Amino acid sequence: MGPSALRVAGLEAKLEALGHKVTDRGNVHVPVAETKRRGDARARFLKEIAECDQEIAERVEQALARKATPIVLGGDHSVAAGTVAGVANHFRALGQAVGLIWIDAHSDINTPETSTSGNVHGMPLAAVLGMGPAELTNLLGWRSTRFWWGFAMWMKRSGRTSGAPGLPRTPCGTSTSWACAR
């Protein structure tokens, strides 16, 4: 509902009033959760989320190829894996590096092994870093998670379910996922 609410609120007109040319590419098809099997309890709906993230990555890459700035609006944090994958894949193909500043109330660095809920929306940063399920890490070109496996195991042994070393755990908050490449 988030992207639709922003459309109803006039986001496109407001961006155009600021001088931006806006092309709304529509929604990524997201299956209704109640019509699908949850799958692995440690990474619920992973298959469907990975398929959505793959489409998001492709759309972000296409926008960047057209010299457009993609804006990805989603219902939860899981869109970040596809968003970052699209940006990273585009610039990797050009032989350029890209940086990422991650600001969120949660670390989103869980893996199926460290998550207590199995919610994949708590795993996109882990995927960006090469940890977690191959369905997500492969979007970014990661093929081996050996380096990060030790970090995931450290989190599990230390009793952490979210957060990175030295960062406070936060019980709740909001998230916005977006990518801007210029």
N, C-alpha and C. Protein backbone atom coordinates (compact mmCIF):
# COMPACT_ATOMS: atom_id res chain seq x y z
N MET A 1 0.82 -1.19 0.00
CA MET A 1 0.00 0.00 0.00
C MET A 1 0.86 1.26 0.00
N GLY A 2 2.09 1.18 0.51
CA GLY A 2 2.96 2.35 0.59
C GLY A 2 3.12 3.10 -0.72
N PRO A 3 3.56 2.42 -1.80
CA PRO A 3 3.72 3.13 -3.07
C PRO A 3 2.41 3.74 -3.58
N SER A 4 1.30 3.01 -3.42
CA SER A 4 0.01 3.54 -3.88
C SER A 4 -0.37 4.79 -3.10
N ALA A 5 -0.13 4.77 -1.80
CA ALA A 5 -0.46 5.93 -0.97
C ALA A 5 0.36 7.15 -1.41
N LEU A 6 1.62 6.94 -1.76
CA LEU A 6 2.45 8.06 -2.22
C LEU A 6 1.98 8.58 -3.57
N ARG A 7 1.49 7.68 -4.42
CA ARG A 7 0.92 8.13 -5.70
C ARG A 7 -0.32 8.98 -5.45
N VAL A 8 -1.21 8.49 -4.59
CA VAL A 8 -2.45 9.22 -4.28
C VAL A 8 -2.11 10.58 -3.67
N ALA A 9 -1.05 10.64 -2.88
CA ALA A 9 -0.65 11.90 -2.25
C ALA A 9 -0.01 12.88 -3.22
N GLY A 10 0.22 12.44 -4.48
CA GLY A 10 0.73 13.35 -5.49
C GLY A 10 2.24 13.44 -5.59
N LEU A 11 2.94 12.37 -5.27
CA LEU A 11 4.40 12.40 -5.32
C LEU A 11 4.91 12.79 -6.71
N GLU A 12 4.34 12.20 -7.75
CA GLU A 12 4.81 12.50 -9.11
C GLU A 12 4.68 13.98 -9.42
N ALA A 13 3.53 14.57 -9.13
CA ALA A 13 3.33 16.00 -9.41
C ALA A 13 4.28 16.87 -8.60
N LYS A 14 4.55 16.46 -7.38
CA LYS A 14 5.45 17.25 -6.53
C LYS A 14 6.88 17.19 -7.05
N LEU A 15 7.31 16.02 -7.54
CA LEU A 15 8.65 15.92 -8.12
C LEU A 15 8.74 16.72 -9.42
N GLU A 16 7.69 16.66 -10.22
CA GLU A 16 7.68 17.43 -11.47
C GLU A 16 7.69 18.92 -11.19
N ALA A 17 7.00 19.36 -10.13
CA ALA A 17 7.01 20.77 -9.76
C ALA A 17 8.40 21.25 -9.37
N LEU A 18 9.24 20.32 -8.96
CA LEU A 18 10.63 20.65 -8.63
C LEU A 18 11.54 20.61 -9.85
N GLY A 19 10.95 20.29 -11.01
CA GLY A 19 11.72 20.29 -12.24
C GLY A 19 12.20 18.92 -12.71
N HIS A 20 11.77 17.87 -12.05
CA HIS A 20 12.19 16.53 -12.43
C HIS A 20 11.23 15.93 -13.45
N LYS A 21 11.78 15.20 -14.40
CA LYS A 21 10.96 14.43 -15.32
C LYS A 21 10.71 13.08 -14.64
N VAL A 22 9.45 12.70 -14.49
CA VAL A 22 9.10 11.49 -13.76
C VAL A 22 8.42 10.50 -14.70
N THR A 23 8.89 9.27 -14.65
CA THR A 23 8.26 8.17 -15.37
C THR A 23 7.95 7.09 -14.36
N ASP A 24 6.68 6.87 -14.10
CA ASP A 24 6.26 5.84 -13.15
C ASP A 24 6.22 4.52 -13.90
N ARG A 25 7.09 3.60 -13.55
CA ARG A 25 7.18 2.30 -14.22
C ARG A 25 6.24 1.27 -13.60
N GLY A 26 5.38 1.70 -12.70
CA GLY A 26 4.39 0.79 -12.14
C GLY A 26 4.94 -0.09 -11.05
N ASN A 27 4.11 -1.02 -10.64
CA ASN A 27 4.45 -1.91 -9.54
C ASN A 27 5.14 -3.18 -10.01
N VAL A 28 5.99 -3.70 -9.16
CA VAL A 28 6.53 -5.05 -9.32
C VAL A 28 5.42 -5.98 -8.81
N HIS A 29 5.16 -7.04 -9.53
CA HIS A 29 4.12 -7.97 -9.08
C HIS A 29 4.59 -8.66 -7.80
N VAL A 30 3.78 -8.56 -6.78
CA VAL A 30 4.07 -9.22 -5.50
C VAL A 30 2.91 -10.16 -5.21
N PRO A 31 3.19 -11.45 -5.12
CA PRO A 31 2.11 -12.40 -4.82
C PRO A 31 1.48 -12.12 -3.45
N VAL A 32 0.21 -12.42 -3.33
CA VAL A 32 -0.47 -12.27 -2.05
C VAL A 32 0.04 -13.37 -1.12
N ALA A 33 0.56 -12.97 0.02
CA ALA A 33 1.21 -13.91 0.93
C ALA A 33 0.30 -15.07 1.31
N GLU A 34 -0.97 -14.77 1.51
CA GLU A 34 -1.89 -15.82 1.96
C GLU A 34 -2.13 -16.89 0.91
N THR A 35 -1.73 -16.64 -0.34
CA THR A 35 -1.91 -17.63 -1.39
C THR A 35 -0.65 -18.47 -1.60
N LYS A 36 0.40 -18.19 -0.85
CA LYS A 36 1.68 -18.88 -1.02
C LYS A 36 2.06 -19.64 0.24
N ARG A 37 2.93 -20.60 0.07
CA ARG A 37 3.48 -21.32 1.23
C ARG A 37 4.59 -20.47 1.83
N ARG A 38 4.69 -20.51 3.13
CA ARG A 38 5.71 -19.72 3.82
C ARG A 38 7.12 -20.18 3.50
N GLY A 39 7.29 -21.44 3.22
CA GLY A 39 8.63 -21.97 2.98
C GLY A 39 9.36 -22.17 4.30
N ASP A 40 10.66 -22.07 4.25
CA ASP A 40 11.52 -22.25 5.43
C ASP A 40 11.12 -21.25 6.51
N ALA A 41 10.86 -21.72 7.70
CA ALA A 41 10.46 -20.84 8.81
C ALA A 41 11.55 -19.84 9.16
N ARG A 42 12.80 -20.11 8.76
CA ARG A 42 13.91 -19.19 9.06
C ARG A 42 14.06 -18.10 8.01
N ALA A 43 13.35 -18.24 6.87
CA ALA A 43 13.39 -17.23 5.80
C ALA A 43 12.07 -17.34 5.03
N ARG A 44 11.02 -16.86 5.67
CA ARG A 44 9.68 -17.03 5.14
C ARG A 44 9.48 -16.25 3.83
N PHE A 45 8.83 -16.90 2.87
CA PHE A 45 8.52 -16.32 1.56
C PHE A 45 9.78 -15.89 0.79
N LEU A 46 10.89 -16.54 1.06
CA LEU A 46 12.17 -16.18 0.43
C LEU A 46 12.09 -16.25 -1.09
N LYS A 47 11.50 -17.29 -1.63
CA LYS A 47 11.42 -17.44 -3.09
C LYS A 47 10.70 -16.26 -3.71
N GLU A 48 9.56 -15.89 -3.17
CA GLU A 48 8.78 -14.78 -3.73
C GLU A 48 9.50 -13.45 -3.57
N ILE A 49 10.13 -13.25 -2.42
CA ILE A 49 10.86 -12.00 -2.19
C ILE A 49 12.06 -11.90 -3.12
N ALA A 50 12.78 -12.99 -3.30
CA ALA A 50 13.94 -12.99 -4.21
C ALA A 50 13.49 -12.70 -5.64
N GLU A 51 12.36 -13.24 -6.06
CA GLU A 51 11.85 -12.97 -7.41
C GLU A 51 11.50 -11.49 -7.57
N CYS A 52 10.88 -10.91 -6.55
CA CYS A 52 10.57 -9.47 -6.60
C CYS A 52 11.86 -8.65 -6.63
N ASP A 53 12.83 -9.02 -5.79
CA ASP A 53 14.10 -8.30 -5.77
C ASP A 53 14.83 -8.40 -7.10
N GLN A 54 14.72 -9.54 -7.77
CA GLN A 54 15.35 -9.69 -9.09
C GLN A 54 14.73 -8.69 -10.07
N GLU A 55 13.41 -8.57 -10.05
CA GLU A 55 12.75 -7.62 -10.95
C GLU A 55 13.12 -6.18 -10.58
N ILE A 56 13.19 -5.89 -9.29
CA ILE A 56 13.60 -4.54 -8.86
C ILE A 56 15.01 -4.25 -9.36
N ALA A 57 15.92 -5.20 -9.20
CA ALA A 57 17.31 -5.01 -9.66
C ALA A 57 17.34 -4.71 -11.15
N GLU A 58 16.57 -5.46 -11.93
CA GLU A 58 16.54 -5.24 -13.39
C GLU A 58 15.98 -3.86 -13.72
N ARG A 59 14.92 -3.44 -13.03
CA ARG A 59 14.34 -2.13 -13.30
C ARG A 59 15.30 -0.99 -12.92
N VAL A 60 16.01 -1.16 -11.81
CA VAL A 60 16.98 -0.14 -11.39
C VAL A 60 18.10 -0.05 -12.43
N GLU A 61 18.61 -1.20 -12.88
CA GLU A 61 19.66 -1.20 -13.91
C GLU A 61 19.17 -0.52 -15.18
N GLN A 62 17.95 -0.80 -15.59
CA GLN A 62 17.39 -0.19 -16.80
C GLN A 62 17.27 1.32 -16.65
N ALA A 63 16.83 1.78 -15.48
CA ALA A 63 16.71 3.22 -15.25
C ALA A 63 18.08 3.88 -15.32
N LEU A 64 19.07 3.28 -14.69
CA LEU A 64 20.41 3.87 -14.71
C LEU A 64 20.99 3.86 -16.13
N ALA A 65 20.69 2.83 -16.90
CA ALA A 65 21.16 2.78 -18.29
C ALA A 65 20.55 3.91 -19.12
N ARG A 66 19.36 4.35 -18.75
CA ARG A 66 18.70 5.47 -19.43
C ARG A 66 19.12 6.82 -18.85
N LYS A 67 20.09 6.80 -17.93
CA LYS A 67 20.57 8.00 -17.23
C LYS A 67 19.50 8.60 -16.33
N ALA A 68 18.57 7.79 -15.88
CA ALA A 68 17.53 8.23 -14.95
C ALA A 68 17.95 7.89 -13.53
N THR A 69 17.36 8.55 -12.58
CA THR A 69 17.60 8.27 -11.17
C THR A 69 16.44 7.42 -10.66
N PRO A 70 16.70 6.17 -10.33
CA PRO A 70 15.60 5.32 -9.86
C PRO A 70 15.18 5.67 -8.44
N ILE A 71 13.90 5.65 -8.22
CA ILE A 71 13.35 5.77 -6.87
C ILE A 71 12.51 4.53 -6.65
N VAL A 72 12.87 3.76 -5.66
CA VAL A 72 12.19 2.50 -5.38
C VAL A 72 11.37 2.68 -4.11
N LEU A 73 10.08 2.49 -4.22
CA LEU A 73 9.18 2.62 -3.08
C LEU A 73 8.65 1.23 -2.76
N GLY A 74 8.76 0.83 -1.53
CA GLY A 74 8.34 -0.53 -1.19
C GLY A 74 7.54 -0.60 0.08
N GLY A 75 7.05 -1.80 0.33
CA GLY A 75 6.26 -2.03 1.52
C GLY A 75 7.09 -2.43 2.72
N ASP A 76 8.30 -2.93 2.50
CA ASP A 76 9.17 -3.28 3.62
C ASP A 76 10.63 -3.21 3.18
N HIS A 77 11.51 -3.52 4.10
CA HIS A 77 12.95 -3.38 3.89
C HIS A 77 13.50 -4.31 2.82
N SER A 78 12.79 -5.38 2.49
CA SER A 78 13.35 -6.37 1.58
C SER A 78 13.63 -5.81 0.19
N VAL A 79 12.98 -4.70 -0.20
CA VAL A 79 13.25 -4.11 -1.51
C VAL A 79 14.68 -3.59 -1.62
N ALA A 80 15.32 -3.38 -0.48
CA ALA A 80 16.68 -2.83 -0.51
C ALA A 80 17.67 -3.76 -1.20
N ALA A 81 17.51 -5.07 -1.05
CA ALA A 81 18.45 -6.00 -1.69
C ALA A 81 18.39 -5.84 -3.20
N GLY A 82 17.20 -5.75 -3.77
CA GLY A 82 17.07 -5.56 -5.21
C GLY A 82 17.54 -4.19 -5.66
N THR A 83 17.24 -3.18 -4.85
CA THR A 83 17.66 -1.82 -5.19
C THR A 83 19.17 -1.71 -5.25
N VAL A 84 19.83 -2.17 -4.21
CA VAL A 84 21.30 -2.10 -4.15
C VAL A 84 21.91 -2.98 -5.23
N ALA A 85 21.31 -4.15 -5.47
CA ALA A 85 21.83 -5.04 -6.52
C ALA A 85 21.80 -4.36 -7.87
N GLY A 86 20.70 -3.68 -8.19
CA GLY A 86 20.60 -2.99 -9.47
C GLY A 86 21.66 -1.91 -9.63
N VAL A 87 21.85 -1.12 -8.59
CA VAL A 87 22.87 -0.06 -8.62
C VAL A 87 24.26 -0.68 -8.75
N ALA A 88 24.55 -1.67 -7.91
CA ALA A 88 25.88 -2.29 -7.92
C ALA A 88 26.16 -2.97 -9.26
N ASN A 89 25.20 -3.69 -9.79
CA ASN A 89 25.41 -4.38 -11.06
C ASN A 89 25.64 -3.40 -12.21
N HIS A 90 24.90 -2.29 -12.21
CA HIS A 90 25.06 -1.29 -13.26
C HIS A 90 26.48 -0.71 -13.25
N PHE A 91 26.91 -0.28 -12.08
CA PHE A 91 28.23 0.35 -12.01
C PHE A 91 29.37 -0.65 -12.13
N ARG A 92 29.15 -1.88 -11.69
CA ARG A 92 30.16 -2.93 -11.88
C ARG A 92 30.40 -3.14 -13.38
N ALA A 93 29.32 -3.16 -14.16
CA ALA A 93 29.44 -3.35 -15.61
C ALA A 93 30.23 -2.21 -16.26
N LEU A 94 30.21 -1.04 -15.65
CA LEU A 94 30.96 0.11 -16.17
C LEU A 94 32.37 0.17 -15.59
N GLY A 95 32.70 -0.78 -14.72
CA GLY A 95 34.02 -0.78 -14.09
C GLY A 95 34.16 0.27 -13.02
N GLN A 96 33.03 0.71 -12.46
CA GLN A 96 33.05 1.75 -11.44
C GLN A 96 32.61 1.19 -10.10
N ALA A 97 33.09 1.82 -9.05
CA ALA A 97 32.70 1.43 -7.69
C ALA A 97 31.48 2.24 -7.26
N VAL A 98 30.79 1.74 -6.30
CA VAL A 98 29.65 2.45 -5.74
C VAL A 98 29.72 2.33 -4.22
N GLY A 99 29.28 3.35 -3.53
CA GLY A 99 29.26 3.33 -2.07
C GLY A 99 27.83 3.26 -1.57
N LEU A 100 27.67 2.85 -0.34
CA LEU A 100 26.35 2.73 0.25
C LEU A 100 26.40 3.24 1.67
N ILE A 101 25.48 4.11 2.00
CA ILE A 101 25.29 4.55 3.37
C ILE A 101 23.95 3.98 3.80
N TRP A 102 23.96 3.15 4.82
CA TRP A 102 22.74 2.45 5.28
C TRP A 102 22.26 3.12 6.56
N ILE A 103 21.10 3.74 6.51
CA ILE A 103 20.51 4.39 7.68
C ILE A 103 19.16 3.74 7.92
N ASP A 104 19.01 3.15 9.07
CA ASP A 104 17.78 2.44 9.38
C ASP A 104 17.69 2.26 10.89
N ALA A 105 16.50 2.10 11.37
CA ALA A 105 16.31 1.86 12.80
C ALA A 105 16.77 0.46 13.19
N HIS A 106 16.84 -0.44 12.21
CA HIS A 106 17.29 -1.81 12.44
C HIS A 106 18.52 -2.06 11.57
N SER A 107 19.30 -3.02 11.95
CA SER A 107 20.51 -3.28 11.17
C SER A 107 20.22 -4.04 9.88
N ASP A 108 19.15 -4.80 9.82
CA ASP A 108 18.80 -5.60 8.63
C ASP A 108 19.93 -6.52 8.21
N ILE A 109 20.71 -6.98 9.18
CA ILE A 109 21.86 -7.81 8.88
C ILE A 109 21.65 -9.25 9.38
N ASN A 110 20.39 -9.61 9.59
CA ASN A 110 20.09 -10.99 9.98
C ASN A 110 20.25 -11.93 8.80
N THR A 111 20.44 -13.18 9.13
CA THR A 111 20.44 -14.27 8.16
C THR A 111 19.42 -15.28 8.66
N PRO A 112 19.09 -16.29 7.87
CA PRO A 112 18.18 -17.30 8.39
C PRO A 112 18.70 -17.93 9.69
N GLU A 113 20.00 -17.98 9.85
CA GLU A 113 20.60 -18.58 11.04
C GLU A 113 20.51 -17.67 12.27
N THR A 114 20.41 -16.37 12.08
CA THR A 114 20.39 -15.45 13.22
C THR A 114 19.03 -14.84 13.48
N SER A 115 18.12 -14.94 12.54
CA SER A 115 16.79 -14.34 12.68
C SER A 115 15.92 -15.14 13.64
N THR A 116 15.26 -14.44 14.54
CA THR A 116 14.31 -15.12 15.42
C THR A 116 12.91 -15.16 14.81
N SER A 117 12.66 -14.32 13.80
CA SER A 117 11.33 -14.25 13.21
C SER A 117 11.23 -14.94 11.85
N GLY A 118 12.35 -15.05 11.14
CA GLY A 118 12.31 -15.59 9.79
C GLY A 118 11.83 -14.57 8.76
N ASN A 119 11.69 -13.31 9.17
CA ASN A 119 11.25 -12.26 8.25
C ASN A 119 12.42 -11.82 7.37
N VAL A 120 12.28 -12.00 6.08
CA VAL A 120 13.36 -11.68 5.14
C VAL A 120 13.60 -10.17 5.09
N HIS A 121 12.62 -9.36 5.46
CA HIS A 121 12.85 -7.92 5.45
C HIS A 121 13.89 -7.50 6.49
N GLY A 122 14.31 -8.41 7.34
CA GLY A 122 15.40 -8.15 8.27
C GLY A 122 16.74 -8.64 7.76
N MET A 123 16.81 -9.00 6.47
CA MET A 123 18.03 -9.60 5.92
C MET A 123 18.68 -8.88 4.74
N PRO A 124 18.17 -7.74 4.26
CA PRO A 124 18.77 -7.20 3.04
C PRO A 124 20.20 -6.72 3.17
N LEU A 125 20.57 -6.11 4.29
CA LEU A 125 21.95 -5.66 4.42
C LEU A 125 22.89 -6.86 4.49
N ALA A 126 22.45 -7.91 5.16
CA ALA A 126 23.26 -9.13 5.17
C ALA A 126 23.50 -9.61 3.74
N ALA A 127 22.46 -9.59 2.90
CA ALA A 127 22.61 -10.01 1.51
C ALA A 127 23.57 -9.10 0.75
N VAL A 128 23.47 -7.80 1.00
CA VAL A 128 24.37 -6.84 0.35
C VAL A 128 25.82 -7.14 0.72
N LEU A 129 26.03 -7.60 1.95
CA LEU A 129 27.37 -7.91 2.43
C LEU A 129 27.82 -9.32 2.08
N GLY A 130 26.94 -10.08 1.42
CA GLY A 130 27.31 -11.42 1.00
C GLY A 130 26.94 -12.51 1.97
N MET A 131 26.15 -12.19 2.98
CA MET A 131 25.72 -13.19 3.96
C MET A 131 24.29 -13.61 3.65
N GLY A 132 23.95 -14.81 4.09
CA GLY A 132 22.56 -15.23 4.00
C GLY A 132 22.26 -16.07 2.78
N PRO A 133 20.99 -16.17 2.45
CA PRO A 133 20.56 -17.09 1.41
C PRO A 133 21.08 -16.70 0.02
N ALA A 134 21.48 -17.70 -0.73
CA ALA A 134 22.00 -17.48 -2.08
C ALA A 134 20.97 -16.77 -2.97
N GLU A 135 19.69 -17.00 -2.71
CA GLU A 135 18.66 -16.34 -3.53
C GLU A 135 18.79 -14.83 -3.48
N LEU A 136 19.30 -14.29 -2.39
CA LEU A 136 19.50 -12.85 -2.27
C LEU A 136 20.93 -12.43 -2.57
N THR A 137 21.91 -13.16 -2.06
CA THR A 137 23.31 -12.76 -2.28
C THR A 137 23.68 -12.85 -3.75
N ASN A 138 23.11 -13.80 -4.48
CA ASN A 138 23.43 -13.93 -5.90
C ASN A 138 22.96 -12.73 -6.71
N LEU A 139 21.97 -11.99 -6.23
CA LEU A 139 21.52 -10.78 -6.92
C LEU A 139 22.66 -9.78 -7.05
N LEU A 140 23.57 -9.82 -6.08
CA LEU A 140 24.68 -8.86 -6.05
C LEU A 140 25.97 -9.44 -6.55
N GLY A 141 25.92 -10.65 -7.07
CA GLY A 141 27.13 -11.25 -7.61
C GLY A 141 27.97 -11.98 -6.58
N TRP A 142 27.50 -12.11 -5.35
CA TRP A 142 28.22 -12.87 -4.34
C TRP A 142 28.00 -14.33 -4.60
N ARG A 143 29.07 -15.09 -4.58
CA ARG A 143 28.94 -16.53 -4.77
C ARG A 143 29.42 -17.30 -3.54
N SER A 144 30.21 -16.65 -2.72
CA SER A 144 30.72 -17.33 -1.53
C SER A 144 30.43 -16.47 -0.32
N THR A 145 29.89 -17.07 0.71
CA THR A 145 29.62 -16.32 1.94
C THR A 145 30.56 -16.76 3.06
N ARG A 146 31.65 -17.42 2.69
CA ARG A 146 32.57 -17.95 3.69
C ARG A 146 33.09 -16.86 4.63
N PHE A 147 33.47 -15.70 4.09
CA PHE A 147 34.02 -14.64 4.93
C PHE A 147 33.00 -14.18 5.96
N TRP A 148 31.77 -14.00 5.54
CA TRP A 148 30.73 -13.46 6.42
C TRP A 148 30.11 -14.51 7.32
N TRP A 149 30.32 -15.79 7.00
CA TRP A 149 29.75 -16.84 7.82
C TRP A 149 30.23 -16.72 9.26
N GLY A 150 31.50 -16.37 9.44
CA GLY A 150 32.05 -16.21 10.78
C GLY A 150 31.34 -15.10 11.53
N PHE A 151 31.01 -14.02 10.85
CA PHE A 151 30.29 -12.92 11.49
C PHE A 151 28.90 -13.37 11.93
N ALA A 152 28.22 -14.11 11.06
CA ALA A 152 26.88 -14.60 11.40
C ALA A 152 26.95 -15.53 12.61
N MET A 153 27.96 -16.36 12.65
CA MET A 153 28.11 -17.27 13.78
C MET A 153 28.46 -16.50 15.05
N TRP A 154 29.26 -15.44 14.93
CA TRP A 154 29.55 -14.59 16.08
C TRP A 154 28.26 -14.01 16.64
N MET A 155 27.39 -13.53 15.75
CA MET A 155 26.12 -12.95 16.20
C MET A 155 25.31 -13.99 16.95
N LYS A 156 25.26 -15.19 16.40
CA LYS A 156 24.47 -16.24 17.03
C LYS A 156 25.05 -16.61 18.39
N ARG A 157 26.36 -16.80 18.46
CA ARG A 157 27.01 -17.18 19.73
C ARG A 157 26.90 -16.08 20.79
N SER A 158 26.91 -14.82 20.33
CA SER A 158 26.86 -13.71 21.28
C SER A 158 25.44 -13.42 21.74
N GLY A 159 24.47 -14.12 21.16
CA GLY A 159 23.08 -13.92 21.57
C GLY A 159 22.39 -12.78 20.84
N ARG A 160 23.08 -12.17 19.90
CA ARG A 160 22.46 -11.08 19.14
C ARG A 160 21.51 -11.66 18.10
N THR A 161 20.41 -10.98 17.91
CA THR A 161 19.51 -11.35 16.83
C THR A 161 19.48 -10.28 15.77
N SER A 162 20.05 -9.14 16.07
CA SER A 162 20.20 -8.08 15.07
C SER A 162 21.30 -7.16 15.56
N GLY A 163 21.77 -6.36 14.68
CA GLY A 163 22.80 -5.42 15.06
C GLY A 163 24.18 -5.88 14.64
N ALA A 164 25.08 -4.96 14.61
CA ALA A 164 26.46 -5.25 14.26
C ALA A 164 27.32 -4.93 15.48
N PRO A 165 28.56 -5.41 15.51
CA PRO A 165 29.41 -5.16 16.67
C PRO A 165 29.47 -3.67 17.01
N GLY A 166 29.20 -3.34 18.25
CA GLY A 166 29.30 -1.97 18.70
C GLY A 166 28.08 -1.11 18.43
N LEU A 167 27.10 -1.63 17.69
CA LEU A 167 25.91 -0.85 17.40
C LEU A 167 24.78 -1.28 18.32
N PRO A 168 23.99 -0.32 18.80
CA PRO A 168 22.90 -0.70 19.69
C PRO A 168 21.79 -1.41 18.93
N ARG A 169 21.11 -2.28 19.62
CA ARG A 169 19.94 -2.93 19.04
C ARG A 169 18.75 -1.99 19.22
N THR A 170 17.88 -1.93 18.25
CA THR A 170 16.71 -1.07 18.35
C THR A 170 15.46 -1.92 18.23
N PRO A 171 14.47 -1.68 19.07
CA PRO A 171 13.29 -2.53 19.08
C PRO A 171 12.31 -2.23 17.96
N CYS A 172 12.28 -1.04 17.43
CA CYS A 172 11.32 -0.73 16.38
C CYS A 172 11.78 0.50 15.63
N GLY A 173 11.12 0.80 14.54
CA GLY A 173 11.46 1.99 13.77
C GLY A 173 10.89 1.92 12.39
N THR A 174 11.33 2.83 11.55
CA THR A 174 10.83 2.87 10.18
C THR A 174 12.01 2.75 9.23
N SER A 175 11.70 2.49 7.98
CA SER A 175 12.74 2.30 6.99
C SER A 175 12.32 2.93 5.68
N THR A 176 13.25 3.48 4.98
CA THR A 176 13.01 3.96 3.64
C THR A 176 14.12 3.41 2.78
N SER A 177 13.75 2.81 1.67
CA SER A 177 14.75 2.26 0.77
C SER A 177 14.75 3.09 -0.49
N TRP A 178 15.92 3.57 -0.91
CA TRP A 178 15.99 4.33 -2.14
C TRP A 178 17.40 4.25 -2.68
N ALA A 179 17.52 4.54 -3.93
CA ALA A 179 18.84 4.56 -4.55
C ALA A 179 18.94 5.78 -5.43
N CYS A 180 20.04 6.46 -5.36
CA CYS A 180 20.28 7.62 -6.21
C CYS A 180 21.70 7.51 -6.72
N ALA A 181 21.87 7.56 -8.00
CA ALA A 181 23.20 7.40 -8.55
C ALA A 181 23.58 8.60 -9.40
N ARG A 182 24.24 9.53 -8.82
CA ARG A 182 24.77 10.68 -9.55
C ARG A 182 25.88 11.27 -8.71
